[in-house]
Amino acid sequence: MEELKTRNEELERELIKSLQREENIKTELQRLRERVRVAEEAEERLCSQLGDLEAETVDQAHAYRAHLVALMDQLEAAHKFIESAS
C-alpha cells in the first residue's frame, strides 16, 4: 500500500510538472502569435508604403521626361533662331 501511495505521489508531481510545461508552452505560443501578428501588420504597412513610393517614382519619371522634352524643344528653337540669324 505504501508503495502505491509513493507511486501516486510521483505521478502527481509529474502531472504538475507536465501541466506547468504545458502552460509555459501555451504562454510562449501566445507570445509568438502576437509577434507574428505585429510582423504581418508591419509587412502590410511596408507594402502599402512601397506601392506609394513606386507610384510617386513613376510620376516623377514622367515629370522629368516632360521637363527634358521641353528643354530639348527650347534648345532646338534656340538653334533654329541662331541659324536664321546667321
C-alpha atoms as a PDB file:
ATOM      1  CA  MET A   1       0.000   0.000   0.000  1.00  0.00           C
ATOM      2  CA  GLU A   2       2.843   2.365   0.868  1.00  0.00           C
ATOM      3  CA  GLU A   3       4.406   1.616  -2.498  1.00  0.00           C
ATOM      4  CA  LEU A   4       1.177   2.631  -4.290  1.00  0.00           C
ATOM      5  CA  LYS A   5       0.999   5.820  -2.270  1.00  0.00           C
ATOM      6  CA  THR A   6       4.589   6.699  -3.197  1.00  0.00           C
ATOM      7  CA  ARG A   7       3.943   5.923  -6.842  1.00  0.00           C
ATOM      8  CA  ASN A   8       0.785   8.020  -6.767  1.00  0.00           C
ATOM      9  CA  GLU A   9       2.722  10.967  -5.294  1.00  0.00           C
ATOM     10  CA  GLU A  10       5.353  10.610  -8.022  1.00  0.00           C
ATOM     11  CA  LEU A  11       2.667  10.589 -10.688  1.00  0.00           C
ATOM     12  CA  GLU A  12       1.046  13.658  -9.160  1.00  0.00           C
ATOM     13  CA  ARG A  13       4.393  15.503  -9.190  1.00  0.00           C
ATOM     14  CA  GLU A  14       4.960  14.506 -12.818  1.00  0.00           C
ATOM     15  CA  LEU A  15       1.449  15.648 -13.675  1.00  0.00           C
ATOM     16  CA  ILE A  16       2.054  19.017 -12.032  1.00  0.00           C
ATOM     17  CA  LYS A  17       5.340  19.412 -13.928  1.00  0.00           C
ATOM     18  CA  SER A  18       3.651  18.402 -17.154  1.00  0.00           C
ATOM     19  CA  LEU A  19       0.818  20.882 -16.601  1.00  0.00           C
ATOM     20  CA  GLN A  20       3.339  23.618 -15.854  1.00  0.00           C
ATOM     21  CA  ARG A  21       5.281  22.813 -19.047  1.00  0.00           C
ATOM     22  CA  GLU A  22       2.029  22.869 -20.980  1.00  0.00           C
ATOM     23  CA  GLU A  23       1.155  26.276 -19.515  1.00  0.00           C
ATOM     24  CA  ASN A  24       4.635  27.581 -20.359  1.00  0.00           C
ATOM     25  CA  ILE A  25       4.266  26.341 -23.932  1.00  0.00           C
ATOM     26  CA  LYS A  26       0.833  27.964 -24.220  1.00  0.00           C
ATOM     27  CA  THR A  27       2.258  31.256 -22.963  1.00  0.00           C
ATOM     28  CA  GLU A  28       5.158  31.082 -25.396  1.00  0.00           C
ATOM     29  CA  LEU A  29       2.783  30.200 -28.242  1.00  0.00           C
ATOM     30  CA  GLN A  30       0.647  33.219 -27.405  1.00  0.00           C
ATOM     31  CA  ARG A  31       3.742  35.465 -27.428  1.00  0.00           C
ATOM     32  CA  LEU A  32       4.768  34.038 -30.799  1.00  0.00           C
ATOM     33  CA  ARG A  33       1.284  34.589 -32.213  1.00  0.00           C
ATOM     34  CA  GLU A  34       1.430  38.211 -31.092  1.00  0.00           C
ATOM     35  CA  ARG A  35       4.857  38.662 -32.696  1.00  0.00           C
ATOM     36  CA  VAL A  36       3.583  37.145 -35.947  1.00  0.00           C
ATOM     37  CA  ARG A  37       0.554  39.457 -35.877  1.00  0.00           C
ATOM     38  CA  VAL A  38       2.779  42.503 -35.366  1.00  0.00           C
ATOM     39  CA  ALA A  39       5.124  41.349 -38.146  1.00  0.00           C
ATOM     40  CA  GLU A  40       2.208  40.828 -40.534  1.00  0.00           C
ATOM     41  CA  GLU A  41       0.849  44.303 -39.784  1.00  0.00           C
ATOM     42  CA  ALA A  42       4.300  45.792 -40.361  1.00  0.00           C
ATOM     43  CA  GLU A  43       4.595  43.901 -43.639  1.00  0.00           C
ATOM     44  CA  GLU A  44       1.227  45.267 -44.783  1.00  0.00           C
ATOM     45  CA  ARG A  45       2.283  48.830 -43.915  1.00  0.00           C
ATOM     46  CA  LEU A  46       5.587  48.407 -45.731  1.00  0.00           C
ATOM     47  CA  CYS A  47       3.893  47.013 -48.827  1.00  0.00           C
ATOM     48  CA  SER A  48       1.492  49.929 -48.833  1.00  0.00           C
ATOM     49  CA  GLN A  49       4.341  52.419 -48.448  1.00  0.00           C
ATOM     50  CA  LEU A  50       6.287  50.675 -51.202  1.00  0.00           C
ATOM     51  CA  GLY A  51       3.294  50.934 -53.525  1.00  0.00           C
ATOM     52  CA  ASP A  52       3.001  54.647 -52.746  1.00  0.00           C
ATOM     53  CA  LEU A  53       6.715  55.161 -53.412  1.00  0.00           C
ATOM     54  CA  GLU A  54       6.516  53.266 -56.703  1.00  0.00           C
ATOM     55  CA  ALA A  55       3.605  55.432 -57.841  1.00  0.00           C
ATOM     56  CA  GLU A  56       5.470  58.582 -56.795  1.00  0.00           C
ATOM     57  CA  THR A  57       8.571  57.397 -58.663  1.00  0.00           C
ATOM     58  CA  VAL A  58       6.579  56.835 -61.854  1.00  0.00           C
ATOM     59  CA  ASP A  59       5.024  60.311 -61.536  1.00  0.00           C
ATOM     60  CA  GLN A  60       8.451  61.875 -61.012  1.00  0.00           C
ATOM     61  CA  ALA A  61       9.877  59.985 -64.009  1.00  0.00           C
ATOM     62  CA  HIS A  62       7.041  61.264 -66.207  1.00  0.00           C
ATOM     63  CA  ALA A  63       7.556  64.819 -64.951  1.00  0.00           C
ATOM     64  CA  TYR A  64      11.323  64.570 -65.509  1.00  0.00           C
ATOM     65  CA  ARG A  65      10.825  63.262 -69.030  1.00  0.00           C
ATOM     66  CA  ALA A  66       8.370  66.061 -69.820  1.00  0.00           C
ATOM     67  CA  HIS A  67      10.885  68.583 -68.486  1.00  0.00           C
ATOM     68  CA  LEU A  68      13.654  67.090 -70.660  1.00  0.00           C
ATOM     69  CA  VAL A  69      11.425  67.199 -73.739  1.00  0.00           C
ATOM     70  CA  ALA A  70      10.620  70.856 -73.012  1.00  0.00           C
ATOM     71  CA  LEU A  71      14.315  71.669 -72.650  1.00  0.00           C
ATOM     72  CA  MET A  72      15.115  69.842 -75.875  1.00  0.00           C
ATOM     73  CA  ASP A  73      12.377  71.814 -77.646  1.00  0.00           C
ATOM     74  CA  GLN A  74      13.814  75.067 -76.270  1.00  0.00           C
ATOM     75  CA  LEU A  75      17.310  74.079 -77.393  1.00  0.00           C
ATOM     76  CA  GLU A  76      16.058  73.198 -80.857  1.00  0.00           C
ATOM     77  CA  ALA A  77      14.225  76.528 -81.088  1.00  0.00           C
ATOM     78  CA  ALA A  78      17.383  78.346 -79.980  1.00  0.00           C
ATOM     79  CA  HIS A  79      19.425  76.548 -82.658  1.00  0.00           C
ATOM     80  CA  LYS A  80      16.875  77.458 -85.336  1.00  0.00           C
ATOM     81  CA  PHE A  81      16.916  81.088 -84.153  1.00  0.00           C
ATOM     82  CA  ILE A  82      20.712  81.200 -84.290  1.00  0.00           C
ATOM     83  CA  GLU A  83      20.761  79.600 -87.739  1.00  0.00           C
ATOM     84  CA  SER A  84      18.140  82.001 -89.057  1.00  0.00           C
ATOM     85  CA  ALA A  85      20.044  84.963 -87.631  1.00  0.00           C
ATOM     86  CA  SER A  86      23.249  83.936 -89.392  1.00  0.00           C
END
